[in-house]
Amino acid sequence: MNPEICHGKPTIRGLRYPVEMVLELLSAGMSAAEILADYPDLEAEDITAVLEYATQLSRIQRVDVLSA
């Protein structure tokens, strides 16, 4: 993350492609091959890195149950 690039959002390899954008494309149904075709600066390893990053963020250490 660099405050000078994409307002400090996590980006791929310092390029101006936010991780969030790639996740949105994947969740909208685009395949990795389609993303790579549309964004020639990206590499297959970048898609894998985005998914690994999302996996790390989604790991929950503890869940507290709130009473209703």
Protein backbone atom coordinates (compact mmCIF):
# COMPACT_ATOMS: atom_id res chain seq x y z
CA MET A 1 0.00 0.00 0.00
CA ASN A 2 1.26 3.44 -0.92
CA PRO A 3 -0.63 6.62 0.00
CA GLU A 4 0.47 8.08 -3.34
CA ILE A 5 -1.22 5.32 -5.36
CA CYS A 6 -5.01 4.77 -5.39
CA HIS A 7 -5.48 6.72 -2.15
CA GLY A 8 -3.50 4.14 -0.19
CA LYS A 9 -5.67 1.18 -1.14
CA PRO A 10 -3.87 -2.14 -1.61
CA THR A 11 -2.73 -2.45 -5.20
CA ILE A 12 -1.14 -5.13 -7.31
CA ARG A 13 2.65 -4.79 -7.56
CA GLY A 14 2.45 -1.02 -7.12
CA LEU A 15 0.46 -0.71 -10.33
CA ARG A 16 -2.73 1.33 -10.33
CA TYR A 17 -4.92 -1.74 -10.13
CA PRO A 18 -6.58 -1.97 -6.72
CA VAL A 19 -6.96 -5.43 -5.25
CA GLU A 20 -10.60 -4.53 -4.67
CA MET A 21 -11.19 -4.07 -8.41
CA VAL A 22 -9.86 -7.51 -9.28
CA LEU A 23 -11.96 -9.09 -6.54
CA GLU A 24 -15.04 -7.31 -7.89
CA LEU A 25 -14.33 -8.59 -11.39
CA LEU A 26 -13.92 -12.15 -10.13
CA SER A 27 -17.08 -11.96 -8.03
CA ALA A 28 -18.98 -10.62 -11.04
CA GLY A 29 -18.14 -13.83 -12.87
CA MET A 30 -15.10 -12.89 -14.95
CA SER A 31 -12.51 -15.61 -15.26
CA ALA A 32 -8.86 -15.00 -14.55
CA ALA A 33 -8.18 -15.45 -18.28
CA GLU A 34 -10.72 -12.74 -19.14
CA ILE A 35 -9.22 -10.33 -16.62
CA LEU A 36 -5.73 -10.96 -17.95
CA ALA A 37 -6.95 -10.35 -21.51
CA ASP A 38 -8.58 -7.05 -20.50
CA TYR A 39 -5.64 -5.87 -18.37
CA PRO A 40 -2.40 -6.85 -20.14
CA ASP A 41 -0.21 -5.39 -17.34
CA LEU A 42 -1.47 -8.10 -15.00
CA GLU A 43 -0.03 -11.60 -14.76
CA ALA A 44 -1.57 -14.88 -13.61
CA GLU A 45 0.44 -14.64 -10.39
CA ASP A 46 -1.24 -11.31 -9.66
CA ILE A 47 -4.68 -12.96 -9.63
CA THR A 48 -3.35 -15.63 -7.28
CA ALA A 49 -1.85 -12.95 -5.01
CA VAL A 50 -5.19 -11.11 -4.89
CA LEU A 51 -6.95 -14.29 -3.80
CA GLU A 52 -4.28 -15.04 -1.20
CA TYR A 53 -4.62 -11.49 0.15
CA ALA A 54 -8.40 -11.84 0.40
CA THR A 55 -7.99 -15.18 2.17
CA GLN A 56 -5.73 -13.59 4.77
CA LEU A 57 -8.21 -10.77 5.36
CA SER A 58 -11.11 -13.19 5.78
CA ARG A 59 -9.47 -15.25 8.49
CA ILE A 60 -11.38 -14.71 11.70
CA GLN A 61 -9.51 -15.20 14.94
CA ARG A 62 -12.53 -14.98 17.22
CA VAL A 63 -16.27 -14.50 16.92
CA ASP A 64 -18.23 -12.94 19.77
CA VAL A 65 -21.93 -13.73 19.84
CA LEU A 66 -24.03 -10.68 20.59
CA SER A 67 -27.23 -11.12 22.55
CA ALA A 68 -30.36 -9.81 20.87
